[in-house]
C-alpha cells in the first residue's frame, strides 16, 4: 500500500521530531550545571558489558554443535576477537577482524 504525499510528509516530520528529541533529551535531562545522578553513572558502567553479552548470545544462538561444521568457524572467530582485543585493545579492530575471519571461513573453508 503506497502512501500519499501528505502521509509521507507527516511521516518524515514525525521521524525528524523524534530524532531531534532523542538527541536533545539527555542534554535537557542532565545539564552540565547539575551533578549526574548515581544510577545514570552506574548504568553507564554496566550497560556496555550487558550489551556485549547480549550480542554474543545473539550471534551464537543458532550455532549447531551437532551438525557440520560443528560451530568451528564461530569458535575460531570468537577466539580471533578475543586475541585481537587482548593484543591491540581496539574494539573496532577486534570486531572487524573477527567478522572478516568468520566470513572468510564460511565462504572459503567451511562451504
N, C-alpha and C. Protein backbone atom coordinates (compact mmCIF):
# COMPACT_ATOMS: atom_id res chain seq x y z
N UNK A 1 0.84 -1.17 0.00
CA UNK A 1 0.00 0.00 0.00
C UNK A 1 0.89 1.23 0.00
N UNK A 2 0.69 2.08 -0.98
CA UNK A 2 1.50 3.29 -1.12
C UNK A 2 0.93 4.42 -0.27
N UNK A 3 1.82 5.26 0.19
CA UNK A 3 1.39 6.42 0.98
C UNK A 3 1.13 7.60 0.06
N UNK A 4 0.23 8.45 0.50
CA UNK A 4 0.00 9.69 -0.23
C UNK A 4 1.14 10.64 0.11
N UNK A 5 1.25 11.72 -0.63
CA UNK A 5 2.28 12.73 -0.37
C UNK A 5 2.12 13.32 1.03
N UNK A 6 0.90 13.56 1.44
CA UNK A 6 0.64 14.12 2.77
C UNK A 6 1.09 13.15 3.86
N UNK A 7 0.76 11.89 3.70
CA UNK A 7 1.18 10.89 4.67
C UNK A 7 2.70 10.78 4.75
N UNK A 8 3.35 10.83 3.60
CA UNK A 8 4.81 10.76 3.57
C UNK A 8 5.43 11.96 4.28
N UNK A 9 4.89 13.15 4.04
CA UNK A 9 5.40 14.35 4.71
C UNK A 9 5.18 14.29 6.22
N UNK A 10 4.02 13.82 6.64
CA UNK A 10 3.75 13.67 8.07
C UNK A 10 4.72 12.66 8.68
N UNK A 11 4.96 11.56 8.01
CA UNK A 11 5.89 10.55 8.49
C UNK A 11 7.30 11.13 8.63
N UNK A 12 7.76 11.85 7.63
CA UNK A 12 9.08 12.47 7.68
C UNK A 12 9.16 13.48 8.82
N UNK A 13 8.10 14.27 9.02
CA UNK A 13 8.09 15.24 10.11
C UNK A 13 8.16 14.55 11.47
N UNK A 14 7.40 13.49 11.65
CA UNK A 14 7.41 12.76 12.93
C UNK A 14 8.78 12.14 13.18
N UNK A 15 9.37 11.55 12.16
CA UNK A 15 10.70 10.96 12.31
C UNK A 15 11.73 12.03 12.65
N UNK A 16 11.65 13.18 12.00
CA UNK A 16 12.57 14.28 12.26
C UNK A 16 12.44 14.78 13.70
N UNK A 17 11.22 14.98 14.15
CA UNK A 17 10.99 15.46 15.53
C UNK A 17 11.48 14.43 16.54
N UNK A 18 11.17 13.17 16.31
CA UNK A 18 11.60 12.12 17.23
C UNK A 18 13.13 12.03 17.29
N UNK A 19 13.79 12.14 16.16
CA UNK A 19 15.24 12.09 16.12
C UNK A 19 15.84 13.26 16.89
N UNK A 20 15.34 14.45 16.64
CA UNK A 20 15.86 15.63 17.34
C UNK A 20 15.59 15.55 18.84
N UNK A 21 14.44 15.05 19.21
CA UNK A 21 14.10 14.93 20.62
C UNK A 21 15.02 13.94 21.32
N UNK A 22 15.27 12.79 20.69
CA UNK A 22 16.13 11.80 21.33
C UNK A 22 17.58 12.29 21.41
N UNK A 23 18.00 13.14 20.51
CA UNK A 23 19.35 13.69 20.58
C UNK A 23 19.46 14.79 21.64
N UNK A 24 18.40 15.55 21.84
CA UNK A 24 18.45 16.66 22.79
C UNK A 24 18.07 16.26 24.20
N UNK A 25 17.30 15.20 24.35
CA UNK A 25 16.78 14.81 25.66
C UNK A 25 17.85 14.62 26.74
N UNK A 26 18.97 13.95 26.46
CA UNK A 26 19.98 13.82 27.51
C UNK A 26 20.52 15.16 28.01
N UNK A 27 20.67 16.12 27.11
CA UNK A 27 21.18 17.43 27.50
C UNK A 27 20.13 18.22 28.29
N UNK A 28 18.87 17.96 28.00
CA UNK A 28 17.80 18.62 28.74
C UNK A 28 17.66 18.01 30.13
N UNK A 29 17.69 16.68 30.21
CA UNK A 29 17.51 16.00 31.49
C UNK A 29 18.72 16.12 32.41
N UNK A 30 19.92 16.14 31.82
CA UNK A 30 21.14 16.17 32.61
C UNK A 30 22.06 17.30 32.17
N UNK A 31 21.71 18.55 32.51
CA UNK A 31 22.57 19.67 32.10
C UNK A 31 23.92 19.62 32.81
N UNK A 32 24.93 20.29 32.23
CA UNK A 32 26.27 20.29 32.80
C UNK A 32 26.31 20.93 34.18
N UNK A 33 25.39 21.85 34.45
CA UNK A 33 25.40 22.56 35.72
C UNK A 33 24.96 21.69 36.89
N UNK A 34 24.30 20.57 36.61
CA UNK A 34 23.82 19.66 37.66
C UNK A 34 24.70 18.43 37.72
N UNK A 35 24.77 17.81 38.90
CA UNK A 35 25.51 16.56 39.08
C UNK A 35 24.67 15.42 38.48
N UNK A 36 25.34 14.54 37.75
CA UNK A 36 24.65 13.40 37.14
C UNK A 36 24.26 12.42 38.25
N UNK A 37 22.99 11.95 38.23
CA UNK A 37 22.55 11.01 39.27
C UNK A 37 23.40 9.73 39.27
N UNK A 38 23.51 9.15 40.45
CA UNK A 38 24.33 7.95 40.62
C UNK A 38 23.87 6.77 39.79
N UNK A 39 22.55 6.60 39.65
CA UNK A 39 22.06 5.46 38.89
C UNK A 39 22.40 5.58 37.41
N UNK A 40 22.49 6.80 36.90
CA UNK A 40 22.88 7.00 35.50
C UNK A 40 24.36 6.65 35.33
N UNK A 41 25.19 7.06 36.26
CA UNK A 41 26.61 6.70 36.21
C UNK A 41 26.79 5.19 36.30
N UNK A 42 25.99 4.55 37.17
CA UNK A 42 26.04 3.09 37.31
C UNK A 42 25.64 2.41 35.99
N UNK A 43 24.55 2.88 35.39
CA UNK A 43 24.12 2.30 34.11
C UNK A 43 25.17 2.51 33.03
N UNK A 44 25.84 3.64 33.06
CA UNK A 44 26.91 3.89 32.09
C UNK A 44 28.07 2.93 32.23
N UNK A 45 28.26 2.41 33.44
CA UNK A 45 29.34 1.44 33.67
C UNK A 45 28.93 0.02 33.30
N UNK A 46 27.71 -0.38 33.60
CA UNK A 46 27.32 -1.79 33.43
C UNK A 46 26.64 -2.10 32.10
N UNK A 47 25.97 -1.16 31.49
CA UNK A 47 25.24 -1.46 30.26
C UNK A 47 26.11 -1.85 29.07
N UNK A 48 27.30 -1.25 28.89
CA UNK A 48 28.11 -1.72 27.76
C UNK A 48 28.45 -3.21 27.85
N UNK A 49 28.74 -3.71 29.05
CA UNK A 49 29.05 -5.13 29.20
C UNK A 49 27.80 -5.98 28.96
N UNK A 50 26.67 -5.51 29.41
CA UNK A 50 25.42 -6.23 29.19
C UNK A 50 25.09 -6.28 27.69
N UNK A 51 25.31 -5.17 27.01
CA UNK A 51 25.04 -5.12 25.57
C UNK A 51 25.97 -6.07 24.82
N UNK A 52 27.23 -6.11 25.21
CA UNK A 52 28.16 -7.01 24.53
C UNK A 52 27.78 -8.47 24.79
N UNK A 53 27.39 -8.78 26.02
CA UNK A 53 26.94 -10.14 26.31
C UNK A 53 25.73 -10.52 25.49
N UNK A 54 24.81 -9.59 25.36
CA UNK A 54 23.61 -9.82 24.56
C UNK A 54 23.98 -10.07 23.10
N UNK A 55 24.92 -9.32 22.57
CA UNK A 55 25.35 -9.50 21.18
C UNK A 55 26.03 -10.86 20.98
N UNK A 56 26.83 -11.28 21.95
CA UNK A 56 27.49 -12.58 21.84
C UNK A 56 26.44 -13.69 21.82
N UNK A 57 25.48 -13.62 22.73
CA UNK A 57 24.42 -14.63 22.76
C UNK A 57 23.63 -14.61 21.46
N UNK A 58 23.31 -13.43 20.95
CA UNK A 58 22.55 -13.31 19.71
C UNK A 58 23.34 -13.91 18.54
N UNK A 59 24.64 -13.65 18.49
CA UNK A 59 25.45 -14.15 17.37
C UNK A 59 25.62 -15.66 17.40
N UNK A 60 25.61 -16.24 18.59
CA UNK A 60 25.87 -17.67 18.70
C UNK A 60 24.62 -18.52 18.93
N UNK A 61 23.44 -17.90 18.89
CA UNK A 61 22.22 -18.62 19.25
C UNK A 61 21.85 -19.74 18.27
N UNK A 62 22.20 -19.62 17.01
CA UNK A 62 21.81 -20.63 16.03
C UNK A 62 22.95 -21.57 15.66
N UNK A 63 24.01 -21.56 16.43
CA UNK A 63 25.15 -22.44 16.14
C UNK A 63 24.79 -23.86 16.58
N UNK A 64 24.96 -24.80 15.67
CA UNK A 64 24.66 -26.20 15.98
C UNK A 64 25.97 -26.94 16.20
N UNK A 65 26.09 -27.52 17.39
CA UNK A 65 27.28 -28.32 17.69
C UNK A 65 27.12 -29.76 17.22
N UNK A 66 25.93 -30.10 16.72
CA UNK A 66 25.65 -31.46 16.28
C UNK A 66 25.71 -31.64 14.77
N UNK A 67 25.71 -30.54 14.03
CA UNK A 67 25.75 -30.59 12.57
C UNK A 67 27.04 -29.97 12.07
N UNK A 68 27.53 -30.46 10.95
CA UNK A 68 28.74 -29.90 10.35
C UNK A 68 28.51 -28.43 10.02
N UNK A 69 29.40 -27.56 10.28
CA UNK A 69 30.79 -27.67 10.72
C UNK A 69 30.97 -27.60 12.25
N UNK A 70 29.95 -27.92 13.00
CA UNK A 70 30.02 -28.09 14.45
C UNK A 70 30.43 -26.82 15.22
N UNK A 71 30.16 -25.67 14.65
CA UNK A 71 30.48 -24.41 15.34
C UNK A 71 31.94 -24.03 15.28
N UNK A 72 32.71 -24.72 14.44
CA UNK A 72 34.15 -24.44 14.36
C UNK A 72 34.43 -23.03 13.83
N UNK A 73 33.77 -22.55 12.75
CA UNK A 73 34.05 -21.19 12.28
C UNK A 73 33.72 -20.14 13.34
N UNK A 74 32.62 -20.36 14.04
CA UNK A 74 32.23 -19.41 15.08
C UNK A 74 33.24 -19.40 16.22
N UNK A 75 33.70 -20.57 16.61
CA UNK A 75 34.69 -20.66 17.69
C UNK A 75 36.00 -19.99 17.29
N UNK A 76 36.43 -20.20 16.06
CA UNK A 76 37.66 -19.57 15.59
C UNK A 76 37.49 -18.06 15.55
N UNK A 77 36.34 -17.58 15.08
CA UNK A 77 36.09 -16.14 15.01
C UNK A 77 36.05 -15.52 16.40
N UNK A 78 35.41 -16.19 17.35
CA UNK A 78 35.36 -15.68 18.72
C UNK A 78 36.77 -15.64 19.30
N UNK A 79 37.54 -16.67 19.08
CA UNK A 79 38.92 -16.71 19.55
C UNK A 79 39.74 -15.57 18.93
N UNK A 80 39.52 -15.33 17.64
CA UNK A 80 40.20 -14.24 16.95
C UNK A 80 39.84 -12.89 17.58
N UNK A 81 38.57 -12.68 17.88
CA UNK A 81 38.13 -11.43 18.51
C UNK A 81 38.83 -11.25 19.86
N UNK A 82 38.86 -12.31 20.66
CA UNK A 82 39.48 -12.23 21.98
C UNK A 82 40.97 -11.93 21.87
N UNK A 83 41.67 -12.66 20.99
CA UNK A 83 43.11 -12.45 20.83
C UNK A 83 43.41 -11.05 20.33
N UNK A 84 42.68 -10.59 19.31
CA UNK A 84 42.89 -9.25 18.79
C UNK A 84 42.63 -8.19 19.85
N UNK A 85 41.59 -8.39 20.64
CA UNK A 85 41.28 -7.39 21.66
C UNK A 85 42.33 -7.37 22.78
N UNK A 86 42.78 -8.54 23.18
CA UNK A 86 43.82 -8.58 24.21
C UNK A 86 45.15 -8.02 23.68
N UNK A 87 45.40 -8.23 22.39
CA UNK A 87 46.65 -7.78 21.80
C UNK A 87 46.66 -6.27 21.56
N UNK A 88 45.62 -5.75 20.89
CA UNK A 88 45.59 -4.34 20.48
C UNK A 88 44.67 -3.46 21.31
N UNK A 89 43.76 -4.07 22.07
CA UNK A 89 42.79 -3.33 22.88
C UNK A 89 42.02 -2.30 22.05
N UNK A 90 41.60 -2.72 20.88
CA UNK A 90 40.88 -1.85 19.96
C UNK A 90 39.58 -2.57 19.57
N UNK A 91 38.46 -2.07 20.05
CA UNK A 91 37.18 -2.73 19.83
C UNK A 91 36.85 -2.85 18.35
N UNK A 92 37.05 -1.77 17.60
CA UNK A 92 36.71 -1.79 16.18
C UNK A 92 37.56 -2.82 15.43
N UNK A 93 38.84 -2.86 15.74
CA UNK A 93 39.72 -3.85 15.11
C UNK A 93 39.30 -5.27 15.50
N UNK A 94 38.96 -5.47 16.75
CA UNK A 94 38.57 -6.80 17.22
C UNK A 94 37.32 -7.29 16.51
N UNK A 95 36.30 -6.46 16.48
CA UNK A 95 35.03 -6.85 15.84
C UNK A 95 35.22 -7.01 14.34
N UNK A 96 35.89 -6.07 13.71
CA UNK A 96 36.13 -6.14 12.27
C UNK A 96 36.98 -7.34 11.88
N UNK A 97 38.03 -7.60 12.65
CA UNK A 97 38.89 -8.75 12.38
C UNK A 97 38.16 -10.06 12.56
N UNK A 98 37.39 -10.17 13.64
CA UNK A 98 36.62 -11.38 13.87
C UNK A 98 35.59 -11.62 12.79
N UNK A 99 34.94 -10.55 12.36
CA UNK A 99 33.95 -10.67 11.28
C UNK A 99 34.61 -11.11 9.99
N UNK A 100 35.76 -10.51 9.66
CA UNK A 100 36.48 -10.87 8.43
C UNK A 100 36.92 -12.34 8.47
N UNK A 101 37.45 -12.77 9.61
CA UNK A 101 37.88 -14.17 9.73
C UNK A 101 36.68 -15.10 9.57
N UNK A 102 35.58 -14.78 10.23
CA UNK A 102 34.39 -15.62 10.12
C UNK A 102 33.90 -15.70 8.68
N UNK A 103 33.83 -14.55 8.01
CA UNK A 103 33.33 -14.55 6.63
C UNK A 103 34.25 -15.34 5.72
N UNK A 104 35.57 -15.21 5.90
CA UNK A 104 36.49 -15.99 5.09
C UNK A 104 36.33 -17.49 5.35
N UNK A 105 36.16 -17.85 6.60
CA UNK A 105 35.99 -19.26 6.94
C UNK A 105 34.71 -19.85 6.33
N UNK A 106 33.60 -19.17 6.45
CA UNK A 106 32.35 -19.75 5.94
C UNK A 106 32.25 -19.66 4.42
N UNK A 107 32.96 -18.70 3.81
CA UNK A 107 32.89 -18.57 2.35
C UNK A 107 33.90 -19.46 1.63
N UNK A 108 35.07 -19.66 2.25
CA UNK A 108 36.14 -20.36 1.54
C UNK A 108 36.50 -21.72 2.14
N UNK A 109 36.43 -21.87 3.44
CA UNK A 109 36.92 -23.09 4.07
C UNK A 109 35.80 -24.07 4.37
N UNK A 110 34.76 -23.61 5.06
CA UNK A 110 33.66 -24.49 5.51
C UNK A 110 32.45 -24.32 4.60
N UNK A 111 32.58 -24.61 3.32
CA UNK A 111 31.47 -24.44 2.39
C UNK A 111 30.42 -25.50 2.60
